[in-house]
């Protein structure tokens, strides 16, 4: 009897981890514009959901099943976000304000394959350089590291662009020409 109970708890837990992971990935795919792939994922997701919820509702008097469902849901959120981090879909735009005006900084980042637009800026303490850098999300941490190497006192803000149109750089990225 105890063995059956443990098996049921494990099944419910695993089903919910898988369901919520699919749910998280589907939401992210939808937000990134991958509608058709998100729709396909949702079909798998709903089958998993119905099976898992059915197991819990059929045995609602067993509190351990409800607990396994809840814990599986929480773990599924963590697993789904980790999977999304590994997929790293889309692009990131990084705005950099240098501590001092450095004409070589944009050149060095361009040599690394990043798309860089730069302009002169003025800060409270004098002349600065402002840069806007576009990179695939999978290269984001590498970019931060490189900027910190080149200007450890730079100010960095990053955001995800909703849409990107035009420019030569996106074509180069799609062809795989960004240094890795």
N, C-alpha and C. Protein backbone atom coordinates (compact mmCIF):
# COMPACT_ATOMS: atom_id res chain seq x y z
N UNK A 1 0.83 -1.20 0.00
CA UNK A 1 0.00 0.00 0.00
C UNK A 1 0.87 1.26 0.00
N UNK A 2 1.90 1.28 0.87
CA UNK A 2 2.80 2.43 0.95
C UNK A 2 3.53 2.63 -0.37
N UNK A 3 3.89 1.50 -1.01
CA UNK A 3 4.59 1.58 -2.29
C UNK A 3 3.70 2.24 -3.35
N UNK A 4 2.41 1.85 -3.40
CA UNK A 4 1.48 2.46 -4.35
C UNK A 4 1.30 3.95 -4.08
N UNK A 5 1.25 4.32 -2.82
CA UNK A 5 1.11 5.73 -2.45
C UNK A 5 2.31 6.53 -2.92
N UNK A 6 3.52 6.00 -2.70
CA UNK A 6 4.73 6.69 -3.12
C UNK A 6 4.83 6.80 -4.65
N UNK A 7 4.40 5.77 -5.34
CA UNK A 7 4.41 5.79 -6.80
C UNK A 7 3.44 6.86 -7.31
N UNK A 8 2.25 6.92 -6.71
CA UNK A 8 1.25 7.92 -7.11
C UNK A 8 1.77 9.33 -6.85
N UNK A 9 2.38 9.56 -5.70
CA UNK A 9 2.94 10.87 -5.37
C UNK A 9 4.03 11.25 -6.38
N UNK A 10 4.90 10.29 -6.70
CA UNK A 10 5.99 10.55 -7.66
C UNK A 10 5.43 10.87 -9.04
N UNK A 11 4.42 10.13 -9.46
CA UNK A 11 3.82 10.37 -10.78
C UNK A 11 3.19 11.76 -10.85
N UNK A 12 2.43 12.11 -9.83
CA UNK A 12 1.78 13.43 -9.79
C UNK A 12 2.83 14.54 -9.78
N UNK A 13 3.87 14.36 -8.98
CA UNK A 13 4.94 15.35 -8.91
C UNK A 13 5.60 15.55 -10.28
N UNK A 14 5.98 14.45 -10.91
CA UNK A 14 6.68 14.50 -12.21
C UNK A 14 5.76 15.10 -13.29
N UNK A 15 4.50 14.69 -13.30
CA UNK A 15 3.56 15.23 -14.28
C UNK A 15 3.45 16.74 -14.13
N UNK A 16 3.37 17.22 -12.90
CA UNK A 16 3.21 18.66 -12.72
C UNK A 16 4.49 19.43 -13.04
N UNK A 17 5.64 18.86 -12.75
CA UNK A 17 6.90 19.51 -13.14
C UNK A 17 6.95 19.66 -14.66
N UNK A 18 6.61 18.60 -15.37
CA UNK A 18 6.63 18.64 -16.83
C UNK A 18 5.58 19.62 -17.35
N UNK A 19 4.37 19.57 -16.79
CA UNK A 19 3.29 20.47 -17.23
C UNK A 19 3.69 21.92 -17.06
N UNK A 20 4.15 22.31 -15.89
CA UNK A 20 4.47 23.71 -15.63
C UNK A 20 5.70 24.15 -16.43
N UNK A 21 6.64 23.26 -16.67
CA UNK A 21 7.78 23.59 -17.52
C UNK A 21 7.30 23.91 -18.93
N UNK A 22 6.42 23.09 -19.47
CA UNK A 22 5.84 23.34 -20.78
C UNK A 22 5.06 24.66 -20.78
N UNK A 23 4.30 24.90 -19.71
CA UNK A 23 3.52 26.14 -19.58
C UNK A 23 4.44 27.36 -19.63
N UNK A 24 5.52 27.32 -18.87
CA UNK A 24 6.46 28.44 -18.83
C UNK A 24 7.10 28.67 -20.19
N UNK A 25 7.54 27.61 -20.82
CA UNK A 25 8.17 27.73 -22.14
C UNK A 25 7.17 28.24 -23.17
N UNK A 26 5.93 27.75 -23.11
CA UNK A 26 4.89 28.22 -24.05
C UNK A 26 4.65 29.71 -23.89
N UNK A 27 4.57 30.19 -22.66
CA UNK A 27 4.34 31.61 -22.42
C UNK A 27 5.48 32.44 -23.00
N UNK A 28 6.68 32.00 -22.80
CA UNK A 28 7.85 32.73 -23.30
C UNK A 28 7.88 32.71 -24.82
N UNK A 29 7.58 31.56 -25.40
CA UNK A 29 7.53 31.47 -26.87
C UNK A 29 6.46 32.40 -27.44
N UNK A 30 5.33 32.48 -26.76
CA UNK A 30 4.26 33.36 -27.21
C UNK A 30 4.72 34.81 -27.15
N UNK A 31 5.35 35.21 -26.06
CA UNK A 31 5.83 36.58 -25.91
C UNK A 31 6.92 36.92 -26.92
N UNK A 32 7.71 35.94 -27.32
CA UNK A 32 8.79 36.17 -28.29
C UNK A 32 8.31 36.10 -29.74
N UNK A 33 7.03 35.77 -29.93
CA UNK A 33 6.48 35.76 -31.29
C UNK A 33 6.51 34.41 -31.99
N UNK A 34 6.85 33.34 -31.28
CA UNK A 34 6.86 32.00 -31.88
C UNK A 34 5.47 31.37 -31.68
N UNK A 35 4.46 31.94 -32.32
CA UNK A 35 3.06 31.57 -32.07
C UNK A 35 2.76 30.11 -32.42
N UNK A 36 3.19 29.67 -33.57
CA UNK A 36 2.84 28.32 -34.01
C UNK A 36 3.51 27.25 -33.15
N UNK A 37 4.75 27.48 -32.81
CA UNK A 37 5.44 26.53 -31.93
C UNK A 37 4.80 26.54 -30.55
N UNK A 38 4.40 27.73 -30.08
CA UNK A 38 3.73 27.84 -28.78
C UNK A 38 2.39 27.10 -28.81
N UNK A 39 1.67 27.19 -29.92
CA UNK A 39 0.40 26.48 -30.04
C UNK A 39 0.61 24.97 -30.00
N UNK A 40 1.65 24.50 -30.65
CA UNK A 40 1.96 23.07 -30.63
C UNK A 40 2.31 22.61 -29.20
N UNK A 41 3.14 23.39 -28.52
CA UNK A 41 3.51 23.07 -27.13
C UNK A 41 2.26 23.03 -26.24
N UNK A 42 1.32 23.96 -26.49
CA UNK A 42 0.12 24.03 -25.65
C UNK A 42 -0.74 22.77 -25.77
N UNK A 43 -0.72 22.13 -26.94
CA UNK A 43 -1.49 20.89 -27.10
C UNK A 43 -0.92 19.79 -26.21
N UNK A 44 0.40 19.69 -26.18
CA UNK A 44 1.04 18.70 -25.31
C UNK A 44 0.80 19.06 -23.85
N UNK A 45 0.96 20.34 -23.56
CA UNK A 45 0.80 20.84 -22.19
C UNK A 45 -0.58 20.50 -21.61
N UNK A 46 -1.64 20.70 -22.38
CA UNK A 46 -2.98 20.50 -21.85
C UNK A 46 -3.28 19.02 -21.60
N UNK A 47 -2.71 18.14 -22.41
CA UNK A 47 -2.89 16.70 -22.18
C UNK A 47 -2.23 16.32 -20.85
N UNK A 48 -1.03 16.81 -20.63
CA UNK A 48 -0.31 16.53 -19.38
C UNK A 48 -1.10 17.09 -18.20
N UNK A 49 -1.62 18.30 -18.35
CA UNK A 49 -2.38 18.95 -17.28
C UNK A 49 -3.61 18.14 -16.90
N UNK A 50 -4.38 17.72 -17.89
CA UNK A 50 -5.61 16.97 -17.63
C UNK A 50 -5.31 15.65 -16.92
N UNK A 51 -4.27 14.96 -17.36
CA UNK A 51 -3.91 13.69 -16.72
C UNK A 51 -3.49 13.92 -15.27
N UNK A 52 -2.63 14.90 -15.04
CA UNK A 52 -2.16 15.17 -13.67
C UNK A 52 -3.28 15.62 -12.76
N UNK A 53 -4.09 16.55 -13.21
CA UNK A 53 -5.20 17.03 -12.38
C UNK A 53 -6.20 15.92 -12.13
N UNK A 54 -6.44 15.09 -13.14
CA UNK A 54 -7.36 13.97 -12.97
C UNK A 54 -6.90 13.02 -11.88
N UNK A 55 -5.59 12.73 -11.84
CA UNK A 55 -5.06 11.86 -10.79
C UNK A 55 -5.29 12.45 -9.40
N UNK A 56 -5.12 13.74 -9.27
CA UNK A 56 -5.31 14.39 -7.98
C UNK A 56 -6.79 14.40 -7.61
N UNK A 57 -7.64 14.79 -8.55
CA UNK A 57 -9.08 14.88 -8.25
C UNK A 57 -9.71 13.51 -7.97
N UNK A 58 -9.19 12.47 -8.61
CA UNK A 58 -9.71 11.12 -8.35
C UNK A 58 -9.32 10.63 -6.95
N UNK A 59 -8.27 11.22 -6.39
CA UNK A 59 -7.79 10.80 -5.07
C UNK A 59 -7.66 12.02 -4.15
N UNK A 60 -8.67 12.86 -4.16
CA UNK A 60 -8.62 14.12 -3.42
C UNK A 60 -8.53 13.92 -1.91
N UNK A 61 -8.95 12.78 -1.44
CA UNK A 61 -8.89 12.50 0.00
C UNK A 61 -7.45 12.18 0.46
N UNK A 62 -6.54 12.01 -0.46
CA UNK A 62 -5.13 11.73 -0.14
C UNK A 62 -4.35 13.04 -0.19
N UNK A 63 -4.08 13.62 0.97
CA UNK A 63 -3.43 14.92 1.07
C UNK A 63 -2.05 14.93 0.43
N UNK A 64 -1.35 13.82 0.47
CA UNK A 64 -0.01 13.77 -0.13
C UNK A 64 -0.05 14.00 -1.63
N UNK A 65 -1.16 13.63 -2.28
CA UNK A 65 -1.28 13.89 -3.73
C UNK A 65 -1.41 15.38 -4.01
N UNK A 66 -2.18 16.07 -3.18
CA UNK A 66 -2.34 17.52 -3.33
C UNK A 66 -1.01 18.22 -3.08
N UNK A 67 -0.29 17.75 -2.07
CA UNK A 67 1.02 18.33 -1.75
C UNK A 67 2.00 18.08 -2.90
N UNK A 68 1.99 16.86 -3.44
CA UNK A 68 2.87 16.54 -4.57
C UNK A 68 2.54 17.42 -5.77
N UNK A 69 1.25 17.70 -5.99
CA UNK A 69 0.81 18.56 -7.09
C UNK A 69 1.36 19.97 -6.89
N UNK A 70 1.23 20.50 -5.66
CA UNK A 70 1.68 21.86 -5.37
C UNK A 70 3.20 21.98 -5.47
N UNK A 71 3.92 21.02 -4.90
CA UNK A 71 5.38 21.06 -4.95
C UNK A 71 5.86 20.88 -6.39
N UNK A 72 5.23 20.00 -7.13
CA UNK A 72 5.57 19.81 -8.54
C UNK A 72 5.35 21.09 -9.34
N UNK A 73 4.32 21.84 -9.00
CA UNK A 73 4.05 23.10 -9.68
C UNK A 73 5.20 24.08 -9.44
N UNK A 74 5.60 24.23 -8.18
CA UNK A 74 6.71 25.13 -7.84
C UNK A 74 8.00 24.73 -8.51
N UNK A 75 8.33 23.46 -8.48
CA UNK A 75 9.56 22.96 -9.11
C UNK A 75 9.47 23.15 -10.63
N UNK A 76 8.28 22.97 -11.19
CA UNK A 76 8.09 23.17 -12.63
C UNK A 76 8.39 24.60 -13.07
N UNK A 77 8.02 25.58 -12.23
CA UNK A 77 8.34 26.97 -12.55
C UNK A 77 9.85 27.15 -12.62
N UNK A 78 10.57 26.59 -11.65
CA UNK A 78 12.03 26.70 -11.64
C UNK A 78 12.65 26.00 -12.84
N UNK A 79 12.19 24.81 -13.16
CA UNK A 79 12.73 24.06 -14.29
C UNK A 79 12.43 24.79 -15.60
N UNK A 80 11.21 25.30 -15.75
CA UNK A 80 10.84 26.02 -16.97
C UNK A 80 11.68 27.26 -17.19
N UNK A 81 11.94 28.01 -16.13
CA UNK A 81 12.77 29.21 -16.29
C UNK A 81 14.22 28.86 -16.59
N UNK A 82 14.71 27.77 -16.02
CA UNK A 82 16.08 27.34 -16.34
C UNK A 82 16.19 26.92 -17.81
N UNK A 83 15.18 26.21 -18.30
CA UNK A 83 15.18 25.81 -19.71
C UNK A 83 15.17 27.06 -20.60
N UNK A 84 14.34 28.04 -20.24
CA UNK A 84 14.28 29.28 -21.02
C UNK A 84 15.61 30.01 -21.01
N UNK A 85 16.29 30.04 -19.87
CA UNK A 85 17.61 30.66 -19.80
C UNK A 85 18.59 29.98 -20.74
N UNK A 86 18.52 28.66 -20.83
CA UNK A 86 19.41 27.92 -21.72
C UNK A 86 19.06 28.17 -23.19
N UNK A 87 17.77 28.30 -23.50
CA UNK A 87 17.37 28.60 -24.87
C UNK A 87 17.81 30.00 -25.27
N UNK A 88 17.68 30.95 -24.35
CA UNK A 88 18.09 32.36 -24.55
C UNK A 88 17.64 32.89 -25.92
N UNK A 89 16.35 32.86 -26.15
CA UNK A 89 15.80 33.32 -27.42
C UNK A 89 15.82 34.84 -27.51
N UNK A 90 16.00 35.34 -28.70
CA UNK A 90 15.89 36.76 -28.95
C UNK A 90 17.18 37.53 -28.77
N UNK A 91 17.02 38.84 -28.69
CA UNK A 91 18.15 39.76 -28.60
C UNK A 91 18.05 40.59 -27.34
N UNK A 92 19.13 41.22 -26.99
CA UNK A 92 19.18 42.14 -25.86
C UNK A 92 19.88 43.41 -26.33
N UNK A 93 19.37 44.54 -25.89
CA UNK A 93 20.02 45.82 -26.17
C UNK A 93 20.65 46.30 -24.87
N UNK A 94 21.91 46.66 -24.94
CA UNK A 94 22.64 47.10 -23.76
C UNK A 94 23.08 48.55 -23.99
N UNK A 95 22.67 49.41 -23.09
CA UNK A 95 23.12 50.80 -23.12
C UNK A 95 24.27 50.93 -22.13
N UNK A 96 25.35 51.53 -22.59
CA UNK A 96 26.56 51.67 -21.78
C UNK A 96 26.93 53.15 -21.74
N UNK A 97 27.20 53.66 -20.55
CA UNK A 97 27.74 55.01 -20.38
C UNK A 97 29.14 54.82 -19.79
N UNK A 98 30.14 55.25 -20.53
CA UNK A 98 31.52 55.05 -20.07
C UNK A 98 31.88 56.07 -19.00
N UNK A 99 32.86 55.74 -18.19
CA UNK A 99 33.35 56.66 -17.17
C UNK A 99 34.10 57.82 -17.82
N UNK A 100 34.86 57.50 -18.87
CA UNK A 100 35.61 58.51 -19.60
C UNK A 100 35.36 58.30 -21.09
N UNK A 101 35.54 59.36 -21.88
CA UNK A 101 35.34 59.26 -23.32
C UNK A 101 36.48 58.42 -23.91
N UNK A 102 36.14 57.29 -24.51
CA UNK A 102 37.14 56.38 -25.05
C UNK A 102 36.74 55.99 -26.47
N UNK A 103 37.44 56.54 -27.45
CA UNK A 103 37.10 56.29 -28.86
C UNK A 103 37.35 54.85 -29.27
N UNK A 104 38.21 54.14 -28.55
CA UNK A 104 38.54 52.76 -28.93
C UNK A 104 37.51 51.74 -28.46
N UNK A 105 36.73 52.06 -27.46
CA UNK A 105 35.78 51.10 -26.90
C UNK A 105 34.79 50.58 -27.94
N UNK A 106 34.11 51.44 -28.69
CA UNK A 106 33.18 50.91 -29.71
C UNK A 106 33.89 50.05 -30.75
N UNK A 107 35.08 50.47 -31.14
CA UNK A 107 35.85 49.72 -32.13
C UNK A 107 36.18 48.32 -31.62
N UNK A 108 36.59 48.23 -30.36
CA UNK A 108 36.93 46.92 -29.78
C UNK A 108 35.71 46.01 -29.70
N UNK A 109 34.56 46.58 -29.34
CA UNK A 109 33.34 45.76 -29.28
C UNK A 109 32.91 45.32 -30.68
N UNK A 110 33.08 46.20 -31.67
CA UNK A 110 32.74 45.83 -33.05
C UNK A 110 33.64 44.71 -33.55
N UNK A 111 34.92 44.77 -33.17
CA UNK A 111 35.85 43.71 -33.57
C UNK A 111 35.45 42.37 -32.97
N UNK A 112 34.78 42.41 -31.81
CA UNK A 112 34.27 41.19 -31.19
C UNK A 112 32.99 40.70 -31.85
N UNK A 113 32.43 41.52 -32.77
CA UNK A 113 31.24 41.13 -33.51
C UNK A 113 29.95 41.74 -33.04
N UNK A 114 30.00 42.63 -32.06
CA UNK A 114 28.78 43.24 -31.56
C UNK A 114 28.37 44.42 -32.43
N UNK A 115 27.07 44.66 -32.51
CA UNK A 115 26.56 45.84 -33.20
C UNK A 115 26.58 47.00 -32.23
N UNK A 116 27.32 48.05 -32.56
CA UNK A 116 27.51 49.17 -31.64
C UNK A 116 27.20 50.48 -32.33
N UNK A 117 26.40 51.29 -31.67
CA UNK A 117 26.19 52.68 -32.07
C UNK A 117 26.69 53.51 -30.90
N UNK A 118 27.50 54.53 -31.19
CA UNK A 118 28.05 55.34 -30.10
C UNK A 118 27.88 56.82 -30.39
N UNK A 119 27.88 57.60 -29.33
CA UNK A 119 27.78 59.05 -29.47
C UNK A 119 28.36 59.70 -28.22
N UNK A 120 28.73 60.96 -28.38
CA UNK A 120 29.27 61.73 -27.26
C UNK A 120 28.14 62.07 -26.30
N UNK A 121 28.46 62.04 -25.00
CA UNK A 121 27.47 62.35 -23.98
C UNK A 121 28.13 63.18 -22.89
N UNK A 122 27.31 63.87 -22.13
CA UNK A 122 27.82 64.66 -21.01
C UNK A 122 27.19 64.15 -19.73
N UNK A 123 28.03 63.95 -18.72
CA UNK A 123 27.55 63.51 -17.43
C UNK A 123 27.82 64.57 -16.38
N UNK A 124 27.44 64.30 -15.17
CA UNK A 124 27.64 65.23 -14.08
C UNK A 124 29.11 65.60 -13.92
N UNK A 125 29.98 64.61 -14.14
CA UNK A 125 31.41 64.82 -13.92
C UNK A 125 32.19 65.01 -15.22
N UNK A 126 31.54 65.28 -16.35
CA UNK A 126 32.28 65.55 -17.57
C UNK A 126 31.83 64.73 -18.76
N UNK A 127 32.73 64.69 -19.77
CA UNK A 127 32.43 64.00 -21.02
C UNK A 127 32.40 62.49 -20.83
N UNK A 128 31.45 61.90 -21.49
CA UNK A 128 31.27 60.45 -21.48
C UNK A 128 31.04 60.00 -22.91
N UNK A 129 30.98 58.70 -23.08
CA UNK A 129 30.56 58.13 -24.35
C UNK A 129 29.36 57.24 -24.04
N UNK A 130 28.33 57.36 -24.85
CA UNK A 130 27.16 56.50 -24.72
C UNK A 130 27.21 55.49 -25.87
N UNK A 131 26.92 54.26 -25.54
CA UNK A 131 26.90 53.20 -26.55
C UNK A 131 25.60 52.44 -26.44
N UNK A 132 25.12 52.00 -27.58
CA UNK A 132 24.00 51.09 -27.62
C UNK A 132 24.50 49.85 -28.35
N UNK A 133 24.42 48.72 -27.68
CA UNK A 133 24.98 47.48 -28.20
C UNK A 133 23.86 46.45 -28.33
N UNK A 134 23.77 45.82 -29.48
CA UNK A 134 22.78 44.79 -29.73
C UNK A 134 23.49 43.44 -29.81
N UNK A 135 22.92 42.44 -29.12
CA UNK A 135 23.53 41.11 -29.15
C UNK A 135 22.46 40.05 -28.92
N UNK A 136 22.68 38.83 -29.41
CA UNK A 136 21.77 37.74 -29.06
C UNK A 136 21.82 37.50 -27.54
N UNK A 137 20.70 37.12 -26.95
CA UNK A 137 20.66 36.90 -25.50
C UNK A 137 21.69 35.87 -25.04
N UNK A 138 22.00 34.90 -25.87
CA UNK A 138 22.96 33.87 -25.46
C UNK A 138 24.36 34.45 -25.28
N UNK A 139 24.60 35.65 -25.82
CA UNK A 139 25.91 36.30 -25.70
C UNK A 139 25.91 37.40 -24.64
N UNK A 140 24.81 37.58 -23.93
CA UNK A 140 24.64 38.69 -23.00
C UNK A 140 25.71 38.73 -21.91
N UNK A 141 25.92 37.64 -21.21
CA UNK A 141 26.89 37.63 -20.11
C UNK A 141 28.31 37.86 -20.60
N UNK A 142 28.61 37.32 -21.78
CA UNK A 142 29.92 37.52 -22.38
C UNK A 142 30.14 39.00 -22.71
N UNK A 143 29.08 39.67 -23.18
CA UNK A 143 29.17 41.10 -23.47
C UNK A 143 29.43 41.90 -22.20
N UNK A 144 28.70 41.61 -21.13
CA UNK A 144 28.92 42.32 -19.87
C UNK A 144 30.37 42.17 -19.39
N UNK A 145 30.84 40.95 -19.49
CA UNK A 145 32.23 40.68 -19.07
C UNK A 145 33.21 41.49 -19.91
N UNK A 146 32.98 41.55 -21.21
CA UNK A 146 33.89 42.30 -22.10
C UNK A 146 33.84 43.80 -21.80
N UNK A 147 32.66 44.34 -21.59
CA UNK A 147 32.53 45.76 -21.26
C UNK A 147 33.27 46.07 -19.96
N UNK A 148 33.12 45.20 -18.97
CA UNK A 148 33.79 45.42 -17.68
C UNK A 148 35.31 45.33 -17.81
N UNK A 149 35.78 44.48 -18.73
CA UNK A 149 37.22 44.42 -18.99
C UNK A 149 37.73 45.73 -19.59
N UNK A 150 36.95 46.28 -20.54
CA UNK A 150 37.36 47.48 -21.25
C UNK A 150 37.15 48.76 -20.43
N UNK A 151 36.10 48.79 -19.62
CA UNK A 151 35.81 49.96 -18.79
C UNK A 151 35.11 49.50 -17.51
N UNK A 152 35.88 49.16 -16.49
CA UNK A 152 35.31 48.61 -15.25
C UNK A 152 34.33 49.55 -14.54
N UNK A 153 34.40 50.85 -14.82
CA UNK A 153 33.53 51.80 -14.13
C UNK A 153 32.34 52.23 -14.98
N UNK A 154 32.10 51.54 -16.07
CA UNK A 154 30.98 51.91 -16.95
C UNK A 154 29.64 51.61 -16.27
N UNK A 155 28.63 52.34 -16.71
CA UNK A 155 27.26 52.17 -16.25
C UNK A 155 26.52 51.39 -17.33
N UNK A 156 25.86 50.29 -16.97
CA UNK A 156 25.24 49.40 -17.96
C UNK A 156 23.76 49.20 -17.62
N UNK A 157 22.93 49.35 -18.64
CA UNK A 157 21.50 49.04 -18.54
C UNK A 157 21.15 48.16 -19.73
N UNK A 158 20.38 47.11 -19.49
CA UNK A 158 19.99 46.22 -20.58
C UNK A 158 18.47 46.09 -20.65
N UNK A 159 17.97 45.90 -21.85
CA UNK A 159 16.55 45.64 -22.05
C UNK A 159 16.37 44.80 -23.30
N UNK A 160 15.20 44.19 -23.39
CA UNK A 160 14.89 43.34 -24.53
C UNK A 160 14.06 44.11 -25.54
N UNK A 161 14.56 44.29 -26.75
CA UNK A 161 13.76 45.00 -27.76
C UNK A 161 12.59 44.13 -28.22
N UNK A 162 11.46 44.76 -28.43
CA UNK A 162 10.26 44.05 -28.90
C UNK A 162 10.40 43.68 -30.37
N UNK A 163 10.95 44.60 -31.17
CA UNK A 163 11.11 44.36 -32.61
C UNK A 163 12.40 45.02 -33.08
N UNK A 164 13.00 44.43 -34.09
CA UNK A 164 14.21 44.98 -34.70
C UNK A 164 13.99 45.02 -36.20
N UNK A 165 14.21 46.19 -36.79
CA UNK A 165 14.06 46.35 -38.23
C UNK A 165 15.32 46.99 -38.79
N UNK A 166 15.73 46.53 -39.94
CA UNK A 166 16.83 47.16 -40.65
C UNK A 166 18.18 46.95 -40.01
N UNK A 167 19.17 47.61 -40.58
CA UNK A 167 20.53 47.50 -40.08
C UNK A 167 21.26 46.31 -40.67
N UNK A 168 22.58 46.45 -40.74
CA UNK A 168 23.39 45.38 -41.32
C UNK A 168 23.67 44.27 -40.32
N UNK A 169 23.66 44.61 -39.05
CA UNK A 169 24.14 43.70 -38.03
C UNK A 169 23.28 42.46 -37.86
N UNK A 170 21.96 42.60 -37.89
CA UNK A 170 21.06 41.46 -37.70
C UNK A 170 21.29 40.42 -38.79
N UNK A 171 21.55 40.88 -40.02
CA UNK A 171 21.83 39.94 -41.12
C UNK A 171 23.11 39.16 -40.83
N UNK A 172 24.12 39.83 -40.29
CA UNK A 172 25.38 39.15 -39.96
C UNK A 172 25.18 38.11 -38.88
N UNK A 173 24.35 38.42 -37.88
CA UNK A 173 24.08 37.47 -36.80
C UNK A 173 23.37 36.24 -37.34
N UNK A 174 22.40 36.46 -38.21
CA UNK A 174 21.65 35.33 -38.77
C UNK A 174 22.56 34.42 -39.59
N UNK A 175 23.64 34.97 -40.14
CA UNK A 175 24.58 34.17 -40.90
C UNK A 175 25.64 33.54 -39.99
N UNK A 176 25.57 33.80 -38.69
CA UNK A 176 26.49 33.20 -37.74
C UNK A 176 27.85 33.87 -37.67
N UNK A 177 27.91 35.16 -37.98
CA UNK A 177 29.21 35.84 -38.03
C UNK A 177 29.62 36.52 -36.73
N UNK A 178 28.81 36.43 -35.69
CA UNK A 178 29.17 37.03 -34.41
C UNK A 178 30.22 36.15 -33.73
N UNK A 179 31.31 36.78 -33.30
CA UNK A 179 32.37 36.02 -32.60
C UNK A 179 31.81 35.40 -31.34
N UNK A 180 32.14 34.17 -31.10
CA UNK A 180 31.60 33.46 -29.93
C UNK A 180 32.60 33.35 -28.86
